[in-house]
Amino acid sequence: MVTSMFALRRAPRGTTLPPMTAQVELSAVFEQGLVAVEQRWPEAPVGEDAFAAYVRAHLDRERDLSRRLHVEDLFLAWWAMTCPAGIDAFVAELGDTLAPILACFTTRFAHLEADSLMELLLTRLFFGDDARIAEFSGFGSLRAWVEVVATQTFLEASRSPDLHYRRERFTTEMRASGVAAS
């Protein structure tokens, strides 16, 4: 069952919503996005009110939402933050985006291993108090955002001698979260 945008209209006190015409347009974009999410990831928890609350938290920050909101991307980011199945779906969905970046860095920096870089990126994205995925707003492409975070992470790794420590941290955190470490 698709969550309705109407849940987003019940904003907590102190928050504002776009004008009614913009709300109707945004509601249509949101509904279309949720239908696409259900088709793409049938097992995903689309009907949860927590996702509507997550989207509502972004409404005050952006103007012209209906043209810029990437509902599927925002859902995938939210799902990855909330459970191991979401992380698995995130990795499956964006693997083709990351492969050329990984190849570039492992070719340029022979001391870097693709598996270690991927584990480092997943640690940076999903684990710890500074998990980067929480920064994704949904008002742009998730693929482009991940490309930037991956490039920053891999450049940092190319300059850092403690990649082995970070790999151990990743393995520990993945096991603790229930996600299958690769």
C-alpha atoms as a PDB file:
ATOM      1  CA  MET A   1       0.000   0.000   0.000  1.00  0.00           C
ATOM      2  CA  VAL A   2       1.363   3.381  -0.977  1.00  0.00           C
ATOM      3  CA  THR A   3       1.814   6.008   1.719  1.00  0.00           C
ATOM      4  CA  SER A   4      -0.102   9.129   0.852  1.00  0.00           C
ATOM      5  CA  MET A   5       1.349  12.592   0.669  1.00  0.00           C
ATOM      6  CA  PHE A   6      -1.521  13.558   2.977  1.00  0.00           C
ATOM      7  CA  ALA A   7       0.582  12.251   5.858  1.00  0.00           C
ATOM      8  CA  LEU A   8       3.086  14.924   4.911  1.00  0.00           C
ATOM      9  CA  ARG A   9       0.421  17.606   5.228  1.00  0.00           C
ATOM     10  CA  ARG A  10       0.031  16.884   8.914  1.00  0.00           C
ATOM     11  CA  ALA A  11       3.140  18.834   9.745  1.00  0.00           C
ATOM     12  CA  PRO A  12       4.162  19.323  13.361  1.00  0.00           C
ATOM     13  CA  ARG A  13       3.664  22.737  14.894  1.00  0.00           C
ATOM     14  CA  GLY A  14       6.314  25.226  13.939  1.00  0.00           C
ATOM     15  CA  THR A  15       6.856  23.797  10.458  1.00  0.00           C
ATOM     16  CA  THR A  16       5.452  25.225   7.273  1.00  0.00           C
ATOM     17  CA  LEU A  17       4.205  23.579   4.130  1.00  0.00           C
ATOM     18  CA  PRO A  18       4.315  24.873   0.553  1.00  0.00           C
ATOM     19  CA  PRO A  19       1.234  26.733  -0.780  1.00  0.00           C
ATOM     20  CA  MET A  20      -1.741  24.491  -1.604  1.00  0.00           C
ATOM     21  CA  THR A  21      -1.106  24.391  -5.384  1.00  0.00           C
ATOM     22  CA  ALA A  22       2.492  23.372  -4.762  1.00  0.00           C
ATOM     23  CA  GLN A  23       1.274  20.761  -2.256  1.00  0.00           C
ATOM     24  CA  VAL A  24      -1.018  19.188  -4.849  1.00  0.00           C
ATOM     25  CA  GLU A  25       1.788  19.108  -7.426  1.00  0.00           C
ATOM     26  CA  LEU A  26       4.235  17.730  -4.859  1.00  0.00           C
ATOM     27  CA  SER A  27       1.666  15.151  -3.766  1.00  0.00           C
ATOM     28  CA  ALA A  28       1.364  13.881  -7.340  1.00  0.00           C
ATOM     29  CA  VAL A  29       5.163  13.638  -7.700  1.00  0.00           C
ATOM     30  CA  PHE A  30       5.393  11.854  -4.356  1.00  0.00           C
ATOM     31  CA  GLU A  31       2.629   9.370  -5.243  1.00  0.00           C
ATOM     32  CA  GLN A  32       4.250   8.602  -8.624  1.00  0.00           C
ATOM     33  CA  GLY A  33       7.602   8.133  -6.904  1.00  0.00           C
ATOM     34  CA  LEU A  34       6.161   5.721  -4.357  1.00  0.00           C
ATOM     35  CA  VAL A  35       4.516   3.650  -7.075  1.00  0.00           C
ATOM     36  CA  ALA A  36       7.916   3.445  -8.804  1.00  0.00           C
ATOM     37  CA  VAL A  37       9.537   2.458  -5.484  1.00  0.00           C
ATOM     38  CA  GLU A  38       7.005  -0.350  -4.977  1.00  0.00           C
ATOM     39  CA  GLN A  39       7.639  -1.636  -8.501  1.00  0.00           C
ATOM     40  CA  ARG A  40      11.412  -1.432  -8.173  1.00  0.00           C
ATOM     41  CA  TRP A  41      11.713  -2.904  -4.663  1.00  0.00           C
ATOM     42  CA  PRO A  42       8.556  -4.927  -3.896  1.00  0.00           C
ATOM     43  CA  GLU A  43       9.918  -6.013  -0.504  1.00  0.00           C
ATOM     44  CA  ALA A  44      10.631  -2.432   0.620  1.00  0.00           C
ATOM     45  CA  PRO A  45       8.706  -0.948   3.572  1.00  0.00           C
ATOM     46  CA  VAL A  46       7.032   1.768   1.488  1.00  0.00           C
ATOM     47  CA  GLY A  47       3.953   2.200   3.686  1.00  0.00           C
ATOM     48  CA  GLU A  48       5.832   3.211   6.812  1.00  0.00           C
ATOM     49  CA  ASP A  49       5.004   6.606   8.309  1.00  0.00           C
ATOM     50  CA  ALA A  50       8.685   6.976   9.155  1.00  0.00           C
ATOM     51  CA  PHE A  51       9.480   7.593   5.476  1.00  0.00           C
ATOM     52  CA  ALA A  52       6.807  10.304   5.259  1.00  0.00           C
ATOM     53  CA  ALA A  53       8.312  11.927   8.359  1.00  0.00           C
ATOM     54  CA  TYR A  54      11.758  11.703   6.792  1.00  0.00           C
ATOM     55  CA  VAL A  55      10.514  13.491   3.647  1.00  0.00           C
ATOM     56  CA  ARG A  56       8.635  16.071   5.720  1.00  0.00           C
ATOM     57  CA  ALA A  57      11.903  16.985   7.461  1.00  0.00           C
ATOM     58  CA  HIS A  58      13.272  18.058   4.076  1.00  0.00           C
ATOM     59  CA  LEU A  59      10.291  20.182   2.981  1.00  0.00           C
ATOM     60  CA  ASP A  60      11.262  23.393   4.745  1.00  0.00           C
ATOM     61  CA  ARG A  61      14.744  23.391   3.240  1.00  0.00           C
ATOM     62  CA  GLU A  62      13.899  23.461  -0.442  1.00  0.00           C
ATOM     63  CA  ARG A  63      11.833  25.484  -2.881  1.00  0.00           C
ATOM     64  CA  ASP A  64      10.238  24.221  -6.092  1.00  0.00           C
ATOM     65  CA  LEU A  65      10.115  20.725  -4.654  1.00  0.00           C
ATOM     66  CA  SER A  66       8.028  18.976  -7.255  1.00  0.00           C
ATOM     67  CA  ARG A  67      10.597  19.524  -9.999  1.00  0.00           C
ATOM     68  CA  ARG A  68      13.580  18.566  -7.896  1.00  0.00           C
ATOM     69  CA  LEU A  69      12.473  15.837  -5.508  1.00  0.00           C
ATOM     70  CA  HIS A  70      13.842  12.395  -6.418  1.00  0.00           C
ATOM     71  CA  VAL A  71      11.437  10.219  -4.422  1.00  0.00           C
ATOM     72  CA  GLU A  72      12.997   6.897  -5.444  1.00  0.00           C
ATOM     73  CA  ASP A  73      16.484   8.096  -4.557  1.00  0.00           C
ATOM     74  CA  LEU A  74      15.327   9.578  -1.259  1.00  0.00           C
ATOM     75  CA  PHE A  75      13.493   6.366  -0.401  1.00  0.00           C
ATOM     76  CA  LEU A  76      16.549   4.228  -1.176  1.00  0.00           C
ATOM     77  CA  ALA A  77      18.732   6.448   1.048  1.00  0.00           C
ATOM     78  CA  TRP A  78      16.166   6.329   3.867  1.00  0.00           C
ATOM     79  CA  TRP A  79      15.733   2.560   3.547  1.00  0.00           C
ATOM     80  CA  ALA A  80      19.503   2.038   3.659  1.00  0.00           C
ATOM     81  CA  MET A  81      19.651   4.097   6.857  1.00  0.00           C
ATOM     82  CA  THR A  82      16.918   2.074   8.529  1.00  0.00           C
ATOM     83  CA  CYS A  83      17.776  -1.578   7.886  1.00  0.00           C
ATOM     84  CA  PRO A  84      20.300  -4.045   6.431  1.00  0.00           C
ATOM     85  CA  ALA A  85      17.974  -4.970   3.530  1.00  0.00           C
ATOM     86  CA  GLY A  86      18.067  -1.322   2.481  1.00  0.00           C
ATOM     87  CA  ILE A  87      21.869  -1.314   2.435  1.00  0.00           C
ATOM     88  CA  ASP A  88      21.842  -4.440   0.272  1.00  0.00           C
ATOM     89  CA  ALA A  89      19.387  -2.794  -2.157  1.00  0.00           C
ATOM     90  CA  PHE A  90      21.509   0.385  -2.181  1.00  0.00           C
ATOM     91  CA  VAL A  91      24.667  -1.560  -3.084  1.00  0.00           C
ATOM     92  CA  ALA A  92      22.836  -3.575  -5.757  1.00  0.00           C
ATOM     93  CA  GLU A  93      21.334  -0.433  -7.272  1.00  0.00           C
ATOM     94  CA  LEU A  94      24.489   1.671  -7.315  1.00  0.00           C
ATOM     95  CA  GLY A  95      27.136  -0.964  -8.016  1.00  0.00           C
ATOM     96  CA  ASP A  96      27.354   0.015 -11.692  1.00  0.00           C
ATOM     97  CA  THR A  97      27.888   3.643 -10.681  1.00  0.00           C
ATOM     98  CA  LEU A  98      30.758   2.753  -8.365  1.00  0.00           C
ATOM     99  CA  ALA A  99      32.565   0.235 -10.593  1.00  0.00           C
ATOM    100  CA  PRO A 100      34.257   2.797 -12.901  1.00  0.00           C
ATOM    101  CA  ILE A 101      35.307   4.954  -9.944  1.00  0.00           C
ATOM    102  CA  LEU A 102      36.788   1.923  -8.181  1.00  0.00           C
ATOM    103  CA  ALA A 103      38.622   0.904 -11.358  1.00  0.00           C
ATOM    104  CA  CYS A 104      40.051   4.388 -11.779  1.00  0.00           C
ATOM    105  CA  PHE A 105      41.416   4.526  -8.241  1.00  0.00           C
ATOM    106  CA  THR A 106      42.808   0.991  -8.172  1.00  0.00           C
ATOM    107  CA  THR A 107      44.567   1.621 -11.501  1.00  0.00           C
ATOM    108  CA  ARG A 108      45.968   4.972 -10.395  1.00  0.00           C
ATOM    109  CA  PHE A 109      46.919   3.878  -6.872  1.00  0.00           C
ATOM    110  CA  ALA A 110      48.263   0.317  -7.047  1.00  0.00           C
ATOM    111  CA  HIS A 111      48.378  -0.010  -3.254  1.00  0.00           C
ATOM    112  CA  LEU A 112      44.589   0.293  -2.995  1.00  0.00           C
ATOM    113  CA  GLU A 113      42.385  -2.787  -3.270  1.00  0.00           C
ATOM    114  CA  ALA A 114      38.886  -2.522  -4.709  1.00  0.00           C
ATOM    115  CA  ASP A 115      37.348  -4.565  -1.865  1.00  0.00           C
ATOM    116  CA  SER A 116      38.984  -2.385   0.775  1.00  0.00           C
ATOM    117  CA  LEU A 117      37.831   0.798  -0.958  1.00  0.00           C
ATOM    118  CA  MET A 118      34.271  -0.467  -1.251  1.00  0.00           C
ATOM    119  CA  GLU A 119      34.216  -1.444   2.415  1.00  0.00           C
ATOM    120  CA  LEU A 120      35.597   1.954   3.355  1.00  0.00           C
ATOM    121  CA  LEU A 121      32.920   3.689   1.292  1.00  0.00           C
ATOM    122  CA  LEU A 122      30.122   1.639   2.856  1.00  0.00           C
ATOM    123  CA  THR A 123      31.490   2.414   6.315  1.00  0.00           C
ATOM    124  CA  ARG A 124      31.571   6.121   5.483  1.00  0.00           C
ATOM    125  CA  LEU A 125      28.074   6.045   4.044  1.00  0.00           C
ATOM    126  CA  PHE A 126      26.191   3.958   6.606  1.00  0.00           C
ATOM    127  CA  PHE A 127      27.977   3.529   9.922  1.00  0.00           C
ATOM    128  CA  GLY A 128      28.978   5.643  12.872  1.00  0.00           C
ATOM    129  CA  ASP A 129      27.789   8.980  14.139  1.00  0.00           C
ATOM    130  CA  ASP A 130      29.033  10.645  10.957  1.00  0.00           C
ATOM    131  CA  ALA A 131      27.263   8.371   8.436  1.00  0.00           C
ATOM    132  CA  ARG A 132      27.170  10.415   5.234  1.00  0.00           C
ATOM    133  CA  ILE A 133      23.904   8.969   3.876  1.00  0.00           C
ATOM    134  CA  ALA A 134      21.997  11.158   6.348  1.00  0.00           C
ATOM    135  CA  GLU A 135      23.221  14.185   4.372  1.00  0.00           C
ATOM    136  CA  PHE A 136      21.469  13.156   1.142  1.00  0.00           C
ATOM    137  CA  SER A 137      18.472  15.470   0.717  1.00  0.00           C
ATOM    138  CA  GLY A 138      16.679  13.882  -2.233  1.00  0.00           C
ATOM    139  CA  PHE A 139      16.867  17.121  -4.220  1.00  0.00           C
ATOM    140  CA  GLY A 140      19.348  15.806  -6.727  1.00  0.00           C
ATOM    141  CA  SER A 141      20.518  12.517  -8.154  1.00  0.00           C
ATOM    142  CA  LEU A 142      21.622   9.887  -5.646  1.00  0.00           C
ATOM    143  CA  ARG A 143      24.046   8.515  -8.237  1.00  0.00           C
ATOM    144  CA  ALA A 144      25.790  11.874  -8.633  1.00  0.00           C
ATOM    145  CA  TRP A 145      25.882  12.366  -4.863  1.00  0.00           C
ATOM    146  CA  VAL A 146      27.388   8.892  -4.340  1.00  0.00           C
ATOM    147  CA  GLU A 147      29.989   9.577  -7.044  1.00  0.00           C
ATOM    148  CA  VAL A 148      31.129  12.662  -5.136  1.00  0.00           C
ATOM    149  CA  VAL A 149      31.232  10.877  -1.763  1.00  0.00           C
ATOM    150  CA  ALA A 150      33.063   7.902  -3.309  1.00  0.00           C
ATOM    151  CA  THR A 151      35.643  10.150  -4.963  1.00  0.00           C
ATOM    152  CA  GLN A 152      36.251  12.055  -1.727  1.00  0.00           C
ATOM    153  CA  THR A 153      36.512   8.816   0.246  1.00  0.00           C
ATOM    154  CA  PHE A 154      38.860   7.150  -2.218  1.00  0.00           C
ATOM    155  CA  LEU A 155      41.111  10.213  -2.477  1.00  0.00           C
ATOM    156  CA  GLU A 156      41.356  10.299   1.295  1.00  0.00           C
ATOM    157  CA  ALA A 157      42.180   6.574   1.334  1.00  0.00           C
ATOM    158  CA  SER A 158      44.933   7.062  -1.239  1.00  0.00           C
ATOM    159  CA  ARG A 159      46.637   9.445   1.183  1.00  0.00           C
ATOM    160  CA  SER A 160      45.961   7.455   4.360  1.00  0.00           C
ATOM    161  CA  PRO A 161      48.090   4.658   5.816  1.00  0.00           C
ATOM    162  CA  ASP A 162      45.326   3.300   8.078  1.00  0.00           C
ATOM    163  CA  LEU A 163      43.154   1.574   5.458  1.00  0.00           C
ATOM    164  CA  HIS A 164      43.614  -1.794   7.225  1.00  0.00           C
ATOM    165  CA  TYR A 165      42.133  -0.366  10.464  1.00  0.00           C
ATOM    166  CA  ARG A 166      39.160   1.020   8.569  1.00  0.00           C
ATOM    167  CA  ARG A 167      38.562  -2.355   6.913  1.00  0.00           C
ATOM    168  CA  GLU A 168      38.431  -4.008  10.346  1.00  0.00           C
ATOM    169  CA  ARG A 169      35.951  -1.321  11.522  1.00  0.00           C
ATOM    170  CA  PHE A 170      33.781  -1.994   8.486  1.00  0.00           C
ATOM    171  CA  THR A 171      33.709  -5.756   9.038  1.00  0.00           C
ATOM    172  CA  THR A 172      32.834  -5.314  12.713  1.00  0.00           C
ATOM    173  CA  GLU A 173      30.042  -2.804  12.012  1.00  0.00           C
ATOM    174  CA  MET A 174      28.594  -4.842   9.140  1.00  0.00           C
ATOM    175  CA  ARG A 175      28.410  -7.954  11.322  1.00  0.00           C
ATOM    176  CA  ALA A 176      26.797  -5.964  14.134  1.00  0.00           C
ATOM    177  CA  SER A 177      24.146  -4.560  11.778  1.00  0.00           C
ATOM    178  CA  GLY A 178      23.276  -7.911  10.202  1.00  0.00           C
ATOM    179  CA  VAL A 179      24.418  -6.985   6.683  1.00  0.00           C
ATOM    180  CA  ALA A 180      26.423  -9.629   4.836  1.00  0.00           C
ATOM    181  CA  ALA A 181      29.978  -8.306   4.487  1.00  0.00           C
ATOM    182  CA  SER A 182      31.519  -9.045   1.114  1.00  0.00           C
END
